[in-house]
PDB file of N, CA and C in Angstrom:
ATOM      1  N   MET A   1     -28.536 -28.385  14.436  1.00  0.00           N
ATOM      2  CA  MET A   1     -27.448 -27.449  14.524  1.00  0.00           C
ATOM      3  C   MET A   1     -27.494 -26.497  13.312  1.00  0.00           C
ATOM      4  N   ARG A   2     -27.324 -25.207  13.580  1.00  0.00           N
ATOM      5  CA  ARG A   2     -27.359 -24.227  12.516  1.00  0.00           C
ATOM      6  C   ARG A   2     -26.003 -24.143  11.825  1.00  0.00           C
ATOM      7  N   THR A   3     -26.072 -23.839  10.528  1.00  0.00           N
ATOM      8  CA  THR A   3     -24.824 -23.684   9.761  1.00  0.00           C
ATOM      9  C   THR A   3     -24.284 -22.287   9.976  1.00  0.00           C
ATOM     10  N   ILE A   4     -23.043 -22.086   9.602  1.00  0.00           N
ATOM     11  CA  ILE A   4     -22.409 -20.776   9.745  1.00  0.00           C
ATOM     12  C   ILE A   4     -23.155 -19.731   8.911  1.00  0.00           C
ATOM     13  N   THR A   5     -23.720 -20.154   7.779  1.00  0.00           N
ATOM     14  CA  THR A   5     -24.482 -19.228   6.906  1.00  0.00           C
ATOM     15  C   THR A   5     -25.717 -18.747   7.630  1.00  0.00           C
ATOM     16  N   GLU A   6     -26.345 -19.613   8.396  1.00  0.00           N
ATOM     17  CA  GLU A   6     -27.552 -19.214   9.124  1.00  0.00           C
ATOM     18  C   GLU A   6     -27.240 -18.303  10.304  1.00  0.00           C
ATOM     19  N   MET A   7     -26.071 -18.483  10.890  1.00  0.00           N
ATOM     20  CA  MET A   7     -25.722 -17.707  12.079  1.00  0.00           C
ATOM     21  C   MET A   7     -25.175 -16.332  11.708  1.00  0.00           C
ATOM     22  N   GLN A   8     -24.595 -16.196  10.546  1.00  0.00           N
ATOM     23  CA  GLN A   8     -23.943 -14.936  10.171  1.00  0.00           C
ATOM     24  C   GLN A   8     -24.351 -14.569   8.762  1.00  0.00           C
ATOM     25  N   PRO A   9     -24.839 -13.342   8.572  1.00  0.00           N
ATOM     26  CA  PRO A   9     -25.220 -12.956   7.216  1.00  0.00           C
ATOM     27  C   PRO A   9     -23.985 -12.826   6.307  1.00  0.00           C
ATOM     28  N   ASN A  10     -24.234 -12.888   5.002  1.00  0.00           N
ATOM     29  CA  ASN A  10     -23.153 -12.700   4.044  1.00  0.00           C
ATOM     30  C   ASN A  10     -22.648 -11.249   4.144  1.00  0.00           C
ATOM     31  N   ILE A  11     -21.369 -11.070   4.344  1.00  0.00           N
ATOM     32  CA  ILE A  11     -20.793  -9.743   4.415  1.00  0.00           C
ATOM     33  C   ILE A  11     -19.782  -9.634   3.291  1.00  0.00           C
ATOM     34  N   THR A  12     -19.896  -8.603   2.505  1.00  0.00           N
ATOM     35  CA  THR A  12     -18.969  -8.394   1.391  1.00  0.00           C
ATOM     36  C   THR A  12     -18.182  -7.119   1.632  1.00  0.00           C
ATOM     37  N   ILE A  13     -17.253  -6.876   0.766  1.00  0.00           N
ATOM     38  CA  ILE A  13     -16.424  -5.715   0.842  1.00  0.00           C
ATOM     39  C   ILE A  13     -17.244  -4.437   0.770  1.00  0.00           C
ATOM     40  N   ASP A  14     -18.439  -4.536   0.162  1.00  0.00           N
ATOM     41  CA  ASP A  14     -19.303  -3.364   0.048  1.00  0.00           C
ATOM     42  C   ASP A  14     -19.756  -2.801   1.358  1.00  0.00           C
ATOM     43  N   TYR A  15     -19.689  -3.595   2.419  1.00  0.00           N
ATOM     44  CA  TYR A  15     -20.159  -3.159   3.729  1.00  0.00           C
ATOM     45  C   TYR A  15     -19.146  -2.245   4.429  1.00  0.00           C
ATOM     46  N   LEU A  16     -17.935  -2.179   3.926  1.00  0.00           N
ATOM     47  CA  LEU A  16     -16.916  -1.329   4.559  1.00  0.00           C
ATOM     48  C   LEU A  16     -17.094   0.120   4.098  1.00  0.00           C
ATOM     49  N   ALA A  17     -16.882   1.035   4.993  1.00  0.00           N
ATOM     50  CA  ALA A  17     -17.023   2.449   4.714  1.00  0.00           C
ATOM     51  C   ALA A  17     -15.828   2.961   3.927  1.00  0.00           C
ATOM     52  N   VAL A  18     -15.999   3.133   2.604  1.00  0.00           N
ATOM     53  CA  VAL A  18     -14.868   3.499   1.777  1.00  0.00           C
ATOM     54  C   VAL A  18     -14.277   4.875   2.139  1.00  0.00           C
ATOM     55  N   LYS A  19     -15.105   5.789   2.622  1.00  0.00           N
ATOM     56  CA  LYS A  19     -14.553   7.100   3.019  1.00  0.00           C
ATOM     57  C   LYS A  19     -13.585   6.954   4.184  1.00  0.00           C
ATOM     58  N   ALA A  20     -13.877   6.052   5.105  1.00  0.00           N
ATOM     59  CA  ALA A  20     -12.968   5.802   6.222  1.00  0.00           C
ATOM     60  C   ALA A  20     -11.721   5.070   5.736  1.00  0.00           C
ATOM     61  N   LEU A  21     -11.887   4.140   4.817  1.00  0.00           N
ATOM     62  CA  LEU A  21     -10.731   3.407   4.286  1.00  0.00           C
ATOM     63  C   LEU A  21      -9.778   4.323   3.545  1.00  0.00           C
ATOM     64  N   ARG A  22     -10.300   5.355   2.892  1.00  0.00           N
ATOM     65  CA  ARG A  22      -9.453   6.293   2.150  1.00  0.00           C
ATOM     66  C   ARG A  22      -8.561   7.125   3.077  1.00  0.00           C
ATOM     67  N   ARG A  23      -8.858   7.127   4.362  1.00  0.00           N
ATOM     68  CA  ARG A  23      -8.025   7.863   5.332  1.00  0.00           C
ATOM     69  C   ARG A  23      -6.929   7.011   5.976  1.00  0.00           C
ATOM     70  N   LEU A  24      -6.877   5.731   5.621  1.00  0.00           N
ATOM     71  CA  LEU A  24      -5.854   4.838   6.168  1.00  0.00           C
ATOM     72  C   LEU A  24      -4.470   5.229   5.665  1.00  0.00           C
ATOM     73  N   PRO A  25      -3.432   4.985   6.484  1.00  0.00           N
ATOM     74  CA  PRO A  25      -2.052   5.250   6.046  1.00  0.00           C
ATOM     75  C   PRO A  25      -1.735   4.474   4.782  1.00  0.00           C
ATOM     76  N   GLY A  26      -1.097   5.140   3.830  1.00  0.00           N
ATOM     77  CA  GLY A  26      -0.694   4.477   2.619  1.00  0.00           C
ATOM     78  C   GLY A  26      -1.641   4.687   1.453  1.00  0.00           C
ATOM     79  N   VAL A  27      -2.856   5.095   1.747  1.00  0.00           N
ATOM     80  CA  VAL A  27      -3.859   5.326   0.670  1.00  0.00           C
ATOM     81  C   VAL A  27      -3.683   6.747   0.137  1.00  0.00           C
ATOM     82  N   THR A  28      -3.321   6.837  -1.135  1.00  0.00           N
ATOM     83  CA  THR A  28      -3.062   8.168  -1.717  1.00  0.00           C
ATOM     84  C   THR A  28      -4.098   8.582  -2.740  1.00  0.00           C
ATOM     85  N   ASP A  29      -4.913   7.637  -3.203  1.00  0.00           N
ATOM     86  CA  ASP A  29      -5.952   7.925  -4.203  1.00  0.00           C
ATOM     87  C   ASP A  29      -7.218   8.252  -3.486  1.00  0.00           C
ATOM     88  N   SER A  30      -7.682   9.491  -3.609  1.00  0.00           N
ATOM     89  CA  SER A  30      -8.890   9.931  -2.923  1.00  0.00           C
ATOM     90  C   SER A  30     -10.164   9.322  -3.495  1.00  0.00           C
ATOM     91  N   LYS A  31     -10.047   8.619  -4.617  1.00  0.00           N
ATOM     92  CA  LYS A  31     -11.220   7.969  -5.234  1.00  0.00           C
ATOM     93  C   LYS A  31     -11.086   6.455  -5.297  1.00  0.00           C
ATOM     94  N   ALA A  32     -10.119   5.920  -4.548  1.00  0.00           N
ATOM     95  CA  ALA A  32      -9.880   4.477  -4.573  1.00  0.00           C
ATOM     96  C   ALA A  32     -11.068   3.719  -3.996  1.00  0.00           C
ATOM     97  N   GLN A  33     -11.291   2.552  -4.546  1.00  0.00           N
ATOM     98  CA  GLN A  33     -12.344   1.655  -4.057  1.00  0.00           C
ATOM     99  C   GLN A  33     -11.845   0.889  -2.828  1.00  0.00           C
ATOM    100  N   SER A  34     -12.754   0.237  -2.145  1.00  0.00           N
ATOM    101  CA  SER A  34     -12.453  -0.421  -0.874  1.00  0.00           C
ATOM    102  C   SER A  34     -11.259  -1.369  -0.935  1.00  0.00           C
ATOM    103  N   ILE A  35     -11.233  -2.293  -1.893  1.00  0.00           N
ATOM    104  CA  ILE A  35     -10.191  -3.269  -1.957  1.00  0.00           C
ATOM    105  C   ILE A  35      -8.855  -2.585  -2.234  1.00  0.00           C
ATOM    106  N   ASN A  36      -8.845  -1.576  -3.100  1.00  0.00           N
ATOM    107  CA  ASN A  36      -7.614  -0.843  -3.406  1.00  0.00           C
ATOM    108  C   ASN A  36      -7.105  -0.121  -2.173  1.00  0.00           C
ATOM    109  N   CYS A  37      -8.014   0.441  -1.365  1.00  0.00           N
ATOM    110  CA  CYS A  37      -7.596   1.102  -0.126  1.00  0.00           C
ATOM    111  C   CYS A  37      -6.953   0.109   0.846  1.00  0.00           C
ATOM    112  N   LEU A  38      -7.608  -1.040   0.989  1.00  0.00           N
ATOM    113  CA  LEU A  38      -7.064  -2.061   1.897  1.00  0.00           C
ATOM    114  C   LEU A  38      -5.674  -2.548   1.422  1.00  0.00           C
ATOM    115  N   GLU A  39      -5.560  -2.699   0.109  1.00  0.00           N
ATOM    116  CA  GLU A  39      -4.299  -3.174  -0.450  1.00  0.00           C
ATOM    117  C   GLU A  39      -3.170  -2.148  -0.201  1.00  0.00           C
ATOM    118  N   ALA A  40      -3.467  -0.879  -0.405  1.00  0.00           N
ATOM    119  CA  ALA A  40      -2.485   0.186  -0.156  1.00  0.00           C
ATOM    120  C   ALA A  40      -2.090   0.220   1.309  1.00  0.00           C
ATOM    121  N   TRP A  41      -3.086   0.074   2.171  1.00  0.00           N
ATOM    122  CA  TRP A  41      -2.804   0.119   3.610  1.00  0.00           C
ATOM    123  C   TRP A  41      -1.944  -1.047   4.064  1.00  0.00           C
ATOM    124  N   VAL A  42      -2.286  -2.209   3.563  1.00  0.00           N
ATOM    125  CA  VAL A  42      -1.501  -3.428   3.905  1.00  0.00           C
ATOM    126  C   VAL A  42      -0.069  -3.282   3.410  1.00  0.00           C
ATOM    127  N   ALA A  43       0.078  -2.787   2.181  1.00  0.00           N
ATOM    128  CA  ALA A  43       1.438  -2.639   1.650  1.00  0.00           C
ATOM    129  C   ALA A  43       2.234  -1.589   2.451  1.00  0.00           C
ATOM    130  N   ALA A  44       1.587  -0.479   2.798  1.00  0.00           N
ATOM    131  CA  ALA A  44       2.232   0.560   3.597  1.00  0.00           C
ATOM    132  C   ALA A  44       2.591   0.085   5.009  1.00  0.00           C
ATOM    133  N   SER A  45       1.859  -0.888   5.488  1.00  0.00           N
ATOM    134  CA  SER A  45       2.114  -1.446   6.814  1.00  0.00           C
ATOM    135  C   SER A  45       3.112  -2.572   6.781  1.00  0.00           C
ATOM    136  N   GLY A  46       3.620  -2.929   5.587  1.00  0.00           N
ATOM    137  CA  GLY A  46       4.586  -3.990   5.454  1.00  0.00           C
ATOM    138  C   GLY A  46       3.984  -5.389   5.412  1.00  0.00           C
ATOM    139  N   GLY A  47       2.664  -5.456   5.233  1.00  0.00           N
ATOM    140  CA  GLY A  47       1.992  -6.752   5.163  1.00  0.00           C
ATOM    141  C   GLY A  47       2.037  -7.328   3.779  1.00  0.00           C
ATOM    142  N   ASP A  48       1.657  -8.599   3.671  1.00  0.00           N
ATOM    143  CA  ASP A  48       1.612  -9.307   2.396  1.00  0.00           C
ATOM    144  C   ASP A  48       0.233  -9.167   1.793  1.00  0.00           C
ATOM    145  N   SER A  49       0.068  -8.220   0.863  1.00  0.00           N
ATOM    146  CA  SER A  49      -1.230  -7.949   0.320  1.00  0.00           C
ATOM    147  C   SER A  49      -1.757  -9.131  -0.506  1.00  0.00           C
ATOM    148  N   ASP A  50      -0.858  -9.931  -1.095  1.00  0.00           N
ATOM    149  CA  ASP A  50      -1.321 -11.101  -1.822  1.00  0.00           C
ATOM    150  C   ASP A  50      -2.030 -12.075  -0.898  1.00  0.00           C
ATOM    151  N   THR A  51      -1.470 -12.292   0.270  1.00  0.00           N
ATOM    152  CA  THR A  51      -2.061 -13.197   1.249  1.00  0.00           C
ATOM    153  C   THR A  51      -3.318 -12.636   1.881  1.00  0.00           C
ATOM    154  N   LEU A  52      -3.296 -11.337   2.170  1.00  0.00           N
ATOM    155  CA  LEU A  52      -4.386 -10.731   2.905  1.00  0.00           C
ATOM    156  C   LEU A  52      -5.513 -10.186   2.040  1.00  0.00           C
ATOM    157  N   ILE A  53      -5.225  -9.672   0.868  1.00  0.00           N
ATOM    158  CA  ILE A  53      -6.226  -9.012   0.055  1.00  0.00           C
ATOM    159  C   ILE A  53      -6.754  -9.900  -1.054  1.00  0.00           C
ATOM    160  N   ARG A  54      -5.934 -10.796  -1.571  1.00  0.00           N
ATOM    161  CA  ARG A  54      -6.357 -11.647  -2.682  1.00  0.00           C
ATOM    162  C   ARG A  54      -7.651 -12.430  -2.356  1.00  0.00           C
ATOM    163  N   PRO A  55      -7.796 -12.990  -1.160  1.00  0.00           N
ATOM    164  CA  PRO A  55      -9.075 -13.680  -0.874  1.00  0.00           C
ATOM    165  C   PRO A  55     -10.277 -12.763  -0.966  1.00  0.00           C
ATOM    166  N   LEU A  56     -10.102 -11.492  -0.584  1.00  0.00           N
ATOM    167  CA  LEU A  56     -11.209 -10.541  -0.683  1.00  0.00           C
ATOM    168  C   LEU A  56     -11.526 -10.262  -2.164  1.00  0.00           C
ATOM    169  N   CYS A  57     -10.506 -10.188  -2.979  1.00  0.00           N
ATOM    170  CA  CYS A  57     -10.730 -10.010  -4.424  1.00  0.00           C
ATOM    171  C   CYS A  57     -11.482 -11.154  -5.032  1.00  0.00           C
ATOM    172  N   ILE A  58     -11.123 -12.363  -4.610  1.00  0.00           N
ATOM    173  CA  ILE A  58     -11.828 -13.567  -5.103  1.00  0.00           C
ATOM    174  C   ILE A  58     -13.288 -13.533  -4.670  1.00  0.00           C
ATOM    175  N   LEU A  59     -13.537 -13.217  -3.403  1.00  0.00           N
ATOM    176  CA  LEU A  59     -14.935 -13.126  -2.934  1.00  0.00           C
ATOM    177  C   LEU A  59     -15.696 -12.039  -3.659  1.00  0.00           C
ATOM    178  N   GLN A  60     -15.060 -10.884  -3.914  1.00  0.00           N
ATOM    179  CA  GLN A  60     -15.706  -9.839  -4.649  1.00  0.00           C
ATOM    180  C   GLN A  60     -16.044 -10.301  -6.053  1.00  0.00           C
ATOM    181  N   GLY A  61     -15.149 -11.068  -6.680  1.00  0.00           N
ATOM    182  CA  GLY A  61     -15.424 -11.601  -8.011  1.00  0.00           C
ATOM    183  C   GLY A  61     -16.615 -12.524  -8.006  1.00  0.00           C
ATOM    184  N   PHE A  62     -16.747 -13.379  -6.991  1.00  0.00           N
ATOM    185  CA  PHE A  62     -17.913 -14.249  -6.871  1.00  0.00           C
ATOM    186  C   PHE A  62     -19.175 -13.468  -6.720  1.00  0.00           C
ATOM    187  N   ARG A  63     -19.109 -12.415  -5.869  1.00  0.00           N
ATOM    188  CA  ARG A  63     -20.267 -11.589  -5.651  1.00  0.00           C
ATOM    189  C   ARG A  63     -20.696 -10.873  -6.916  1.00  0.00           C
ATOM    190  N   SER A  64     -19.712 -10.360  -7.640  1.00  0.00           N
ATOM    191  CA  SER A  64     -19.983  -9.627  -8.882  1.00  0.00           C
ATOM    192  C   SER A  64     -20.629 -10.506  -9.944  1.00  0.00           C
ATOM    193  N   THR A  65     -20.272 -11.767  -9.953  1.00  0.00           N
ATOM    194  CA  THR A  65     -20.837 -12.670 -10.969  1.00  0.00           C
ATOM    195  C   THR A  65     -22.111 -13.353 -10.498  1.00  0.00           C
ATOM    196  N   GLY A  66     -22.519 -13.102  -9.267  1.00  0.00           N
ATOM    197  CA  GLY A  66     -23.754 -13.700  -8.751  1.00  0.00           C
ATOM    198  C   GLY A  66     -23.591 -15.075  -8.160  1.00  0.00           C
ATOM    199  N   LEU A  67     -22.352 -15.582  -8.072  1.00  0.00           N
ATOM    200  CA  LEU A  67     -22.177 -16.932  -7.543  1.00  0.00           C
ATOM    201  C   LEU A  67     -22.535 -17.038  -6.055  1.00  0.00           C
ATOM    202  N   LEU A  68     -22.309 -15.962  -5.285  1.00  0.00           N
ATOM    203  CA  LEU A  68     -22.676 -16.003  -3.871  1.00  0.00           C
ATOM    204  C   LEU A  68     -24.164 -16.056  -3.701  1.00  0.00           C
ATOM    205  N   ILE A  69     -24.891 -15.332  -4.541  1.00  0.00           N
ATOM    206  CA  ILE A  69     -26.349 -15.349  -4.470  1.00  0.00           C
ATOM    207  C   ILE A  69     -26.874 -16.737  -4.814  1.00  0.00           C
ATOM    208  N   CYS A  70     -26.324 -17.336  -5.883  1.00  0.00           N
ATOM    209  CA  CYS A  70     -26.770 -18.683  -6.281  1.00  0.00           C
ATOM    210  C   CYS A  70     -26.454 -19.703  -5.196  1.00  0.00           C
ATOM    211  N   ALA A  71     -25.268 -19.625  -4.626  1.00  0.00           N
ATOM    212  CA  ALA A  71     -24.921 -20.586  -3.583  1.00  0.00           C
ATOM    213  C   ALA A  71     -25.818 -20.397  -2.369  1.00  0.00           C
ATOM    214  N   ALA A  72     -26.138 -19.169  -1.990  1.00  0.00           N
ATOM    215  CA  ALA A  72     -26.960 -18.920  -0.832  1.00  0.00           C
ATOM    216  C   ALA A  72     -28.366 -19.489  -1.067  1.00  0.00           C
ATOM    217  N   GLY A  73     -28.837 -19.416  -2.296  1.00  0.00           N
ATOM    218  CA  GLY A  73     -30.192 -19.909  -2.601  1.00  0.00           C
ATOM    219  C   GLY A  73     -30.281 -21.424  -2.642  1.00  0.00           C
ATOM    220  N   THR A  74     -29.170 -22.112  -2.742  1.00  0.00           N
ATOM    221  CA  THR A  74     -29.217 -23.587  -2.823  1.00  0.00           C
ATOM    222  C   THR A  74     -28.925 -24.239  -1.487  1.00  0.00           C
ATOM    223  N   GLY A  75     -28.623 -23.447  -0.492  1.00  0.00           N
ATOM    224  CA  GLY A  75     -28.290 -24.066   0.827  1.00  0.00           C
ATOM    225  C   GLY A  75     -26.820 -24.412   0.932  1.00  0.00           C
ATOM    226  N   MET A  76     -26.069 -24.197  -0.150  1.00  0.00           N
ATOM    227  CA  MET A  76     -24.641 -24.471  -0.124  1.00  0.00           C
ATOM    228  C   MET A  76     -23.927 -23.305   0.542  1.00  0.00           C
ATOM    229  N   PRO A  77     -22.860 -23.530   1.252  1.00  0.00           N
ATOM    230  CA  PRO A  77     -22.136 -22.432   1.873  1.00  0.00           C
ATOM    231  C   PRO A  77     -21.521 -21.566   0.803  1.00  0.00           C
ATOM    232  N   PRO A  78     -21.617 -20.237   0.956  1.00  0.00           N
ATOM    233  CA  PRO A  78     -21.044 -19.327  -0.056  1.00  0.00           C
ATOM    234  C   PRO A  78     -19.541 -19.342  -0.004  1.00  0.00           C
TER     235      PRO A  78
END
């Protein structure tokens, strides 16, 4: 049986089109990065950005420090 890591490639916030995200309702900063755009959109939509965006921030932090790469190389789920 294949693991989820084998079936689906690692996808990070970097794969989202930031230019499209900047056009979402609630995004006012024309130079905002992906996570900031998503957070503004969620807040403008009345959503809980802590619940919805915080996990993405944590994943981005792992990616930035190389922990996802290390985990992927060891066979451990990222």
